[in-house]
Each structure stands twice: as structure tokens, then as C-alpha cells.
Amino acid sequence: MRKFNNFLNEKSIKAKVRMGKFIEKTVGKLQEKDGNFFEEGIKWIIAFVVGALLLGGIYLLFKDIILPTITSRVQQMFNYS
């Protein structure tokens, strides 16, 4: 029984040390002046939204203006009779 108690005590101490290191590392990352995970996540979300809006605008531009103009010009070019 004594060995089992020593084993549990040893494992719990190791777990506490690991948790303390993890918390220390996490707090250090969150206190960095360069930015943190949340700021980086927000930057990525903003970049994704802006990119989607740009692609949508380009799609609408091609769909409504460029392709009909090209189609009519090609038809005029081949209608030489």
C-alpha cells in the first residue's frame, strides 16, 4: 500500500509541475507584445472575409460587364456579311 501511495504522490507532483509549466508558457504567450493567438485569429478572419469580398466583386465584374462585352464583340467580328 505504501508503494502505491508513493507512486500516486509522485505522479500527482509530476502532473502539477507539468501543469505549472503549461500555465506559465500560456500566460507568457498571451502577454507577448507581438500579438497573441486571438489577434492572429482575428487577422486571419479579416483577411479571409476581405479576400472573399474581392473574389465576389471580380466574379460579378466578369459576369455582368466583361463577358457580355466580349461576346458581343466576337459576334460583331464574325458578322462580316
PDB file of N, CA and C in Angstrom:
ATOM      1  N   MET A   1       0.830  -1.198   0.000  1.00  0.00           N
ATOM      2  CA  MET A   1       0.000   0.000   0.000  1.00  0.00           C
ATOM      3  C   MET A   1       0.864   1.246   0.000  1.00  0.00           C
ATOM      4  N   ARG A   2       1.970   1.165   0.723  1.00  0.00           N
ATOM      5  CA  ARG A   2       2.858   2.310   0.813  1.00  0.00           C
ATOM      6  C   ARG A   2       3.454   2.642  -0.561  1.00  0.00           C
ATOM      7  N   LYS A   3       3.823   1.608  -1.335  1.00  0.00           N
ATOM      8  CA  LYS A   3       4.380   1.828  -2.661  1.00  0.00           C
ATOM      9  C   LYS A   3       3.356   2.509  -3.569  1.00  0.00           C
ATOM     10  N   PHE A   4       2.124   2.061  -3.448  1.00  0.00           N
ATOM     11  CA  PHE A   4       1.062   2.633  -4.265  1.00  0.00           C
ATOM     12  C   PHE A   4       0.851   4.108  -3.933  1.00  0.00           C
ATOM     13  N   ASN A   5       0.876   4.446  -2.646  1.00  0.00           N
ATOM     14  CA  ASN A   5       0.731   5.841  -2.232  1.00  0.00           C
ATOM     15  C   ASN A   5       1.897   6.687  -2.734  1.00  0.00           C
ATOM     16  N   ASN A   6       3.104   6.149  -2.619  1.00  0.00           N
ATOM     17  CA  ASN A   6       4.277   6.872  -3.134  1.00  0.00           C
ATOM     18  C   ASN A   6       4.169   7.078  -4.645  1.00  0.00           C
ATOM     19  N   PHE A   7       3.705   6.048  -5.345  1.00  0.00           N
ATOM     20  CA  PHE A   7       3.525   6.130  -6.791  1.00  0.00           C
ATOM     21  C   PHE A   7       2.519   7.228  -7.143  1.00  0.00           C
ATOM     22  N   LEU A   8       1.380   7.264  -6.446  1.00  0.00           N
ATOM     23  CA  LEU A   8       0.366   8.283  -6.710  1.00  0.00           C
ATOM     24  C   LEU A   8       0.886   9.679  -6.384  1.00  0.00           C
ATOM     25  N   ASN A   9       1.618   9.807  -5.274  1.00  0.00           N
ATOM     26  CA  ASN A   9       2.180  11.106  -4.904  1.00  0.00           C
ATOM     27  C   ASN A   9       3.165  11.593  -5.970  1.00  0.00           C
ATOM     28  N   GLU A  10       3.999  10.688  -6.435  1.00  0.00           N
ATOM     29  CA  GLU A  10       4.984  11.047  -7.455  1.00  0.00           C
ATOM     30  C   GLU A  10       4.289  11.505  -8.743  1.00  0.00           C
ATOM     31  N   LYS A  11       3.277  10.772  -9.173  1.00  0.00           N
ATOM     32  CA  LYS A  11       2.558  11.118 -10.396  1.00  0.00           C
ATOM     33  C   LYS A  11       1.807  12.442 -10.250  1.00  0.00           C
ATOM     34  N   SER A  12       1.221  12.674  -9.089  1.00  0.00           N
ATOM     35  CA  SER A  12       0.488  13.928  -8.894  1.00  0.00           C
ATOM     36  C   SER A  12       1.445  15.123  -8.866  1.00  0.00           C
ATOM     37  N   ILE A  13       2.616  14.931  -8.277  1.00  0.00           N
ATOM     38  CA  ILE A  13       3.605  16.016  -8.265  1.00  0.00           C
ATOM     39  C   ILE A  13       4.071  16.308  -9.682  1.00  0.00           C
ATOM     40  N   LYS A  14       4.333  15.266 -10.475  1.00  0.00           N
ATOM     41  CA  LYS A  14       4.749  15.469 -11.865  1.00  0.00           C
ATOM     42  C   LYS A  14       3.656  16.181 -12.661  1.00  0.00           C
ATOM     43  N   ALA A  15       2.404  15.801 -12.421  1.00  0.00           N
ATOM     44  CA  ALA A  15       1.292  16.439 -13.125  1.00  0.00           C
ATOM     45  C   ALA A  15       1.183  17.916 -12.746  1.00  0.00           C
ATOM     46  N   LYS A  16       1.382  18.230 -11.465  1.00  0.00           N
ATOM     47  CA  LYS A  16       1.327  19.630 -11.034  1.00  0.00           C
ATOM     48  C   LYS A  16       2.452  20.441 -11.661  1.00  0.00           C
ATOM     49  N   VAL A  17       3.642  19.858 -11.735  1.00  0.00           N
ATOM     50  CA  VAL A  17       4.778  20.559 -12.344  1.00  0.00           C
ATOM     51  C   VAL A  17       4.503  20.810 -13.822  1.00  0.00           C
ATOM     52  N   ARG A  18       4.008  19.793 -14.526  1.00  0.00           N
ATOM     53  CA  ARG A  18       3.695  19.959 -15.949  1.00  0.00           C
ATOM     54  C   ARG A  18       2.620  21.018 -16.158  1.00  0.00           C
ATOM     55  N   MET A  19       1.593  20.997 -15.332  1.00  0.00           N
ATOM     56  CA  MET A  19       0.516  21.978 -15.449  1.00  0.00           C
ATOM     57  C   MET A  19       1.045  23.376 -15.168  1.00  0.00           C
ATOM     58  N   GLY A  20       1.919  23.508 -14.188  1.00  0.00           N
ATOM     59  CA  GLY A  20       2.514  24.810 -13.895  1.00  0.00           C
ATOM     60  C   GLY A  20       3.329  25.327 -15.064  1.00  0.00           C
ATOM     61  N   LYS A  21       4.106  24.459 -15.704  1.00  0.00           N
ATOM     62  CA  LYS A  21       4.887  24.871 -16.875  1.00  0.00           C
ATOM     63  C   LYS A  21       3.967  25.271 -18.017  1.00  0.00           C
ATOM     64  N   PHE A  22       2.899  24.501 -18.215  1.00  0.00           N
ATOM     65  CA  PHE A  22       1.943  24.816 -19.282  1.00  0.00           C
ATOM     66  C   PHE A  22       1.286  26.173 -19.043  1.00  0.00           C
ATOM     67  N   ILE A  23       0.862  26.418 -17.814  1.00  0.00           N
ATOM     68  CA  ILE A  23       0.218  27.692 -17.488  1.00  0.00           C
ATOM     69  C   ILE A  23       1.206  28.839 -17.653  1.00  0.00           C
ATOM     70  N   GLU A  24       2.430  28.638 -17.222  1.00  0.00           N
ATOM     71  CA  GLU A  24       3.451  29.676 -17.353  1.00  0.00           C
ATOM     72  C   GLU A  24       3.709  30.000 -18.829  1.00  0.00           C
ATOM     73  N   LYS A  25       3.800  28.980 -19.649  1.00  0.00           N
ATOM     74  CA  LYS A  25       4.031  29.177 -21.080  1.00  0.00           C
ATOM     75  C   LYS A  25       2.840  29.894 -21.731  1.00  0.00           C
ATOM     76  N   THR A  26       1.625  29.489 -21.357  1.00  0.00           N
ATOM     77  CA  THR A  26       0.424  30.096 -21.923  1.00  0.00           C
ATOM     78  C   THR A  26       0.316  31.560 -21.524  1.00  0.00           C
ATOM     79  N   VAL A  27       0.555  31.857 -20.271  1.00  0.00           N
ATOM     80  CA  VAL A  27       0.497  33.244 -19.815  1.00  0.00           C
ATOM     81  C   VAL A  27       1.574  34.075 -20.510  1.00  0.00           C
ATOM     82  N   GLY A  28       2.735  33.510 -20.702  1.00  0.00           N
ATOM     83  CA  GLY A  28       3.800  34.210 -21.420  1.00  0.00           C
ATOM     84  C   GLY A  28       3.406  34.523 -22.852  1.00  0.00           C
ATOM     85  N   LYS A  29       2.774  33.562 -23.525  1.00  0.00           N
ATOM     86  CA  LYS A  29       2.333  33.789 -24.902  1.00  0.00           C
ATOM     87  C   LYS A  29       1.257  34.864 -24.962  1.00  0.00           C
ATOM     88  N   LEU A  30       0.357  34.857 -23.999  1.00  0.00           N
ATOM     89  CA  LEU A  30      -0.723  35.842 -24.007  1.00  0.00           C
ATOM     90  C   LEU A  30      -0.236  37.242 -23.661  1.00  0.00           C
ATOM     91  N   GLN A  31       0.892  37.355 -22.970  1.00  0.00           N
ATOM     92  CA  GLN A  31       1.407  38.658 -22.575  1.00  0.00           C
ATOM     93  C   GLN A  31       2.439  39.209 -23.549  1.00  0.00           C
ATOM     94  N   GLU A  32       2.727  38.499 -24.633  1.00  0.00           N
ATOM     95  CA  GLU A  32       3.705  38.982 -25.599  1.00  0.00           C
ATOM     96  C   GLU A  32       3.208  40.272 -26.240  1.00  0.00           C
ATOM     97  N   LYS A  33       4.129  41.143 -26.543  1.00  0.00           N
ATOM     98  CA  LYS A  33       3.781  42.417 -27.165  1.00  0.00           C
ATOM     99  C   LYS A  33       3.582  42.275 -28.674  1.00  0.00           C
ATOM    100  N   ASP A  34       4.096  41.189 -29.266  1.00  0.00           N
ATOM    101  CA  ASP A  34       3.980  40.980 -30.709  1.00  0.00           C
ATOM    102  C   ASP A  34       2.565  40.610 -31.121  1.00  0.00           C
ATOM    103  N   GLY A  35       1.755  40.185 -30.238  1.00  0.00           N
ATOM    104  CA  GLY A  35       0.411  39.733 -30.538  1.00  0.00           C
ATOM    105  C   GLY A  35       0.181  38.384 -29.887  1.00  0.00           C
ATOM    106  N   ASN A  36      -1.035  37.953 -29.925  1.00  0.00           N
ATOM    107  CA  ASN A  36      -1.321  36.654 -29.339  1.00  0.00           C
ATOM    108  C   ASN A  36      -2.214  35.866 -30.281  1.00  0.00           C
ATOM    109  N   PHE A  37      -2.652  34.719 -29.814  1.00  0.00           N
ATOM    110  CA  PHE A  37      -3.425  33.821 -30.661  1.00  0.00           C
ATOM    111  C   PHE A  37      -4.733  34.468 -31.107  1.00  0.00           C
ATOM    112  N   PHE A  38      -5.363  35.215 -30.215  1.00  0.00           N
ATOM    113  CA  PHE A  38      -6.643  35.822 -30.557  1.00  0.00           C
ATOM    114  C   PHE A  38      -6.473  36.887 -31.630  1.00  0.00           C
ATOM    115  N   GLU A  39      -5.449  37.708 -31.499  1.00  0.00           N
ATOM    116  CA  GLU A  39      -5.199  38.740 -32.511  1.00  0.00           C
ATOM    117  C   GLU A  39      -4.875  38.111 -33.852  1.00  0.00           C
ATOM    118  N   GLU A  40      -4.073  37.069 -33.836  1.00  0.00           N
ATOM    119  CA  GLU A  40      -3.730  36.396 -35.088  1.00  0.00           C
ATOM    120  C   GLU A  40      -4.968  35.771 -35.718  1.00  0.00           C
ATOM    121  N   GLY A  41      -5.817  35.196 -34.903  1.00  0.00           N
ATOM    122  CA  GLY A  41      -7.059  34.611 -35.418  1.00  0.00           C
ATOM    123  C   GLY A  41      -7.955  35.649 -36.052  1.00  0.00           C
ATOM    124  N   ILE A  42      -8.058  36.806 -35.402  1.00  0.00           N
ATOM    125  CA  ILE A  42      -8.884  37.881 -35.943  1.00  0.00           C
ATOM    126  C   ILE A  42      -8.286  38.396 -37.247  1.00  0.00           C
ATOM    127  N   LYS A  43      -6.974  38.499 -37.327  1.00  0.00           N
ATOM    128  CA  LYS A  43      -6.323  38.920 -38.579  1.00  0.00           C
ATOM    129  C   LYS A  43      -6.641  37.952 -39.701  1.00  0.00           C
ATOM    130  N   TRP A  44      -6.585  36.649 -39.413  1.00  0.00           N
ATOM    131  CA  TRP A  44      -6.873  35.650 -40.444  1.00  0.00           C
ATOM    132  C   TRP A  44      -8.329  35.722 -40.881  1.00  0.00           C
ATOM    133  N   ILE A  45      -9.232  35.914 -39.949  1.00  0.00           N
ATOM    134  CA  ILE A  45     -10.657  36.007 -40.302  1.00  0.00           C
ATOM    135  C   ILE A  45     -10.905  37.230 -41.166  1.00  0.00           C
ATOM    136  N   ILE A  46     -10.313  38.373 -40.799  1.00  0.00           N
ATOM    137  CA  ILE A  46     -10.480  39.592 -41.590  1.00  0.00           C
ATOM    138  C   ILE A  46      -9.910  39.395 -42.984  1.00  0.00           C
ATOM    139  N   ALA A  47      -8.739  38.784 -43.090  1.00  0.00           N
ATOM    140  CA  ALA A  47      -8.131  38.534 -44.405  1.00  0.00           C
ATOM    141  C   ALA A  47      -9.016  37.619 -45.237  1.00  0.00           C
ATOM    142  N   PHE A  48      -9.606  36.614 -44.623  1.00  0.00           N
ATOM    143  CA  PHE A  48     -10.487  35.701 -45.347  1.00  0.00           C
ATOM    144  C   PHE A  48     -11.719  36.431 -45.868  1.00  0.00           C
ATOM    145  N   VAL A  49     -12.326  37.264 -45.043  1.00  0.00           N
ATOM    146  CA  VAL A  49     -13.528  37.996 -45.449  1.00  0.00           C
ATOM    147  C   VAL A  49     -13.209  38.983 -46.569  1.00  0.00           C
ATOM    148  N   VAL A  50     -12.117  39.718 -46.431  1.00  0.00           N
ATOM    149  CA  VAL A  50     -11.740  40.682 -47.473  1.00  0.00           C
ATOM    150  C   VAL A  50     -11.438  39.947 -48.778  1.00  0.00           C
ATOM    151  N   GLY A  51     -10.740  38.832 -48.707  1.00  0.00           N
ATOM    152  CA  GLY A  51     -10.456  38.041 -49.906  1.00  0.00           C
ATOM    153  C   GLY A  51     -11.728  37.543 -50.561  1.00  0.00           C
ATOM    154  N   ALA A  52     -12.673  37.075 -49.764  1.00  0.00           N
ATOM    155  CA  ALA A  52     -13.941  36.599 -50.312  1.00  0.00           C
ATOM    156  C   ALA A  52     -14.708  37.739 -50.990  1.00  0.00           C
ATOM    157  N   LEU A  53     -14.693  38.904 -50.377  1.00  0.00           N
ATOM    158  CA  LEU A  53     -15.367  40.054 -50.993  1.00  0.00           C
ATOM    159  C   LEU A  53     -14.707  40.445 -52.314  1.00  0.00           C
ATOM    160  N   LEU A  54     -13.380  40.432 -52.349  1.00  0.00           N
ATOM    161  CA  LEU A  54     -12.681  40.753 -53.599  1.00  0.00           C
ATOM    162  C   LEU A  54     -12.995  39.735 -54.690  1.00  0.00           C
ATOM    163  N   LEU A  55     -12.962  38.467 -54.350  1.00  0.00           N
ATOM    164  CA  LEU A  55     -13.286  37.441 -55.338  1.00  0.00           C
ATOM    165  C   LEU A  55     -14.736  37.554 -55.818  1.00  0.00           C
ATOM    166  N   GLY A  56     -15.640  37.860 -54.923  1.00  0.00           N
ATOM    167  CA  GLY A  56     -17.034  38.060 -55.300  1.00  0.00           C
ATOM    168  C   GLY A  56     -17.197  39.248 -56.236  1.00  0.00           C
ATOM    169  N   GLY A  57     -16.491  40.322 -55.945  1.00  0.00           N
ATOM    170  CA  GLY A  57     -16.547  41.509 -56.820  1.00  0.00           C
ATOM    171  C   GLY A  57     -15.983  41.223 -58.200  1.00  0.00           C
ATOM    172  N   ILE A  58     -14.887  40.508 -58.253  1.00  0.00           N
ATOM    173  CA  ILE A  58     -14.295  40.152 -59.547  1.00  0.00           C
ATOM    174  C   ILE A  58     -15.244  39.239 -60.317  1.00  0.00           C
ATOM    175  N   TYR A  59     -15.881  38.301 -59.639  1.00  0.00           N
ATOM    176  CA  TYR A  59     -16.837  37.407 -60.282  1.00  0.00           C
ATOM    177  C   TYR A  59     -17.989  38.206 -60.882  1.00  0.00           C
ATOM    178  N   LEU A  60     -18.550  39.137 -60.113  1.00  0.00           N
ATOM    179  CA  LEU A  60     -19.652  39.950 -60.623  1.00  0.00           C
ATOM    180  C   LEU A  60     -19.206  40.832 -61.785  1.00  0.00           C
ATOM    181  N   LEU A  61     -18.009  41.365 -61.708  1.00  0.00           N
ATOM    182  CA  LEU A  61     -17.476  42.184 -62.785  1.00  0.00           C
ATOM    183  C   LEU A  61     -17.374  41.386 -64.080  1.00  0.00           C
ATOM    184  N   PHE A  62     -16.836  40.186 -64.011  1.00  0.00           N
ATOM    185  CA  PHE A  62     -16.734  39.337 -65.198  1.00  0.00           C
ATOM    186  C   PHE A  62     -18.115  38.926 -65.699  1.00  0.00           C
ATOM    187  N   LYS A  63     -19.006  38.577 -64.768  1.00  0.00           N
ATOM    188  CA  LYS A  63     -20.324  38.068 -65.147  1.00  0.00           C
ATOM    189  C   LYS A  63     -21.174  39.137 -65.820  1.00  0.00           C
ATOM    190  N   ASP A  64     -21.181  40.350 -65.291  1.00  0.00           N
ATOM    191  CA  ASP A  64     -22.097  41.387 -65.766  1.00  0.00           C
ATOM    192  C   ASP A  64     -21.500  42.307 -66.821  1.00  0.00           C
ATOM    193  N   ILE A  65     -20.204  42.515 -66.850  1.00  0.00           N
ATOM    194  CA  ILE A  65     -19.631  43.533 -67.737  1.00  0.00           C
ATOM    195  C   ILE A  65     -18.695  42.928 -68.775  1.00  0.00           C
ATOM    196  N   ILE A  66     -17.727  42.181 -68.350  1.00  0.00           N
ATOM    197  CA  ILE A  66     -16.654  41.756 -69.257  1.00  0.00           C
ATOM    198  C   ILE A  66     -17.138  40.683 -70.231  1.00  0.00           C
ATOM    199  N   LEU A  67     -17.772  39.606 -69.737  1.00  0.00           N
ATOM    200  CA  LEU A  67     -18.176  38.518 -70.628  1.00  0.00           C
ATOM    201  C   LEU A  67     -19.239  38.939 -71.649  1.00  0.00           C
ATOM    202  N   PRO A  68     -20.288  39.704 -71.280  1.00  0.00           N
ATOM    203  CA  PRO A  68     -21.232  40.137 -72.323  1.00  0.00           C
ATOM    204  C   PRO A  68     -20.578  41.039 -73.376  1.00  0.00           C
ATOM    205  N   THR A  69     -19.655  41.884 -72.962  1.00  0.00           N
ATOM    206  CA  THR A  69     -18.965  42.757 -73.917  1.00  0.00           C
ATOM    207  C   THR A  69     -18.130  41.931 -74.882  1.00  0.00           C
ATOM    208  N   ILE A  70     -17.413  40.954 -74.361  1.00  0.00           N
ATOM    209  CA  ILE A  70     -16.583  40.098 -75.215  1.00  0.00           C
ATOM    210  C   ILE A  70     -17.468  39.315 -76.184  1.00  0.00           C
ATOM    211  N   THR A  71     -18.582  38.804 -75.687  1.00  0.00           N
ATOM    212  CA  THR A  71     -19.492  38.034 -76.542  1.00  0.00           C
ATOM    213  C   THR A  71     -20.011  38.887 -77.693  1.00  0.00           C
ATOM    214  N   SER A  72     -20.453  40.109 -77.384  1.00  0.00           N
ATOM    215  CA  SER A  72     -20.986  40.971 -78.448  1.00  0.00           C
ATOM    216  C   SER A  72     -19.887  41.370 -79.433  1.00  0.00           C
ATOM    217  N   ARG A  73     -18.700  41.612 -78.976  1.00  0.00           N
ATOM    218  CA  ARG A  73     -17.602  41.984 -79.880  1.00  0.00           C
ATOM    219  C   ARG A  73     -17.187  40.819 -80.778  1.00  0.00           C
ATOM    220  N   VAL A  74     -17.179  39.613 -80.236  1.00  0.00           N
ATOM    221  CA  VAL A  74     -16.851  38.449 -81.052  1.00  0.00           C
ATOM    222  C   VAL A  74     -17.934  38.229 -82.110  1.00  0.00           C
ATOM    223  N   GLN A  75     -19.196  38.404 -81.745  1.00  0.00           N
ATOM    224  CA  GLN A  75     -20.284  38.257 -82.721  1.00  0.00           C
ATOM    225  C   GLN A  75     -20.184  39.330 -83.806  1.00  0.00           C
ATOM    226  N   GLN A  76     -19.854  40.559 -83.425  1.00  0.00           N
ATOM    227  CA  GLN A  76     -19.677  41.628 -84.421  1.00  0.00           C
ATOM    228  C   GLN A  76     -18.497  41.334 -85.332  1.00  0.00           C
ATOM    229  N   MET A  77     -17.455  40.772 -84.775  1.00  0.00           N
ATOM    230  CA  MET A  77     -16.252  40.496 -85.551  1.00  0.00           C
ATOM    231  C   MET A  77     -16.517  39.426 -86.606  1.00  0.00           C
ATOM    232  N   PHE A  78     -17.315  38.409 -86.273  1.00  0.00           N
ATOM    233  CA  PHE A  78     -17.592  37.341 -87.216  1.00  0.00           C
ATOM    234  C   PHE A  78     -18.820  37.617 -88.077  1.00  0.00           C
ATOM    235  N   ASN A  79     -19.537  38.694 -87.821  1.00  0.00           N
ATOM    236  CA  ASN A  79     -20.709  39.067 -88.627  1.00  0.00           C
ATOM    237  C   ASN A  79     -20.244  40.058 -89.700  1.00  0.00           C
ATOM    238  N   TYR A  80     -19.463  39.613 -90.657  1.00  0.00           N
ATOM    239  CA  TYR A  80     -18.863  40.482 -91.661  1.00  0.00           C
ATOM    240  C   TYR A  80     -19.627  40.480 -92.973  1.00  0.00           C
ATOM    241  N   SER A  81     -20.826  39.920 -93.016  1.00  0.00           N
ATOM    242  CA  SER A  81     -21.567  39.850 -94.273  1.00  0.00           C
ATOM    243  C   SER A  81     -22.211  41.118 -94.687  1.00  0.00           C
TER     244      SER A  81
END
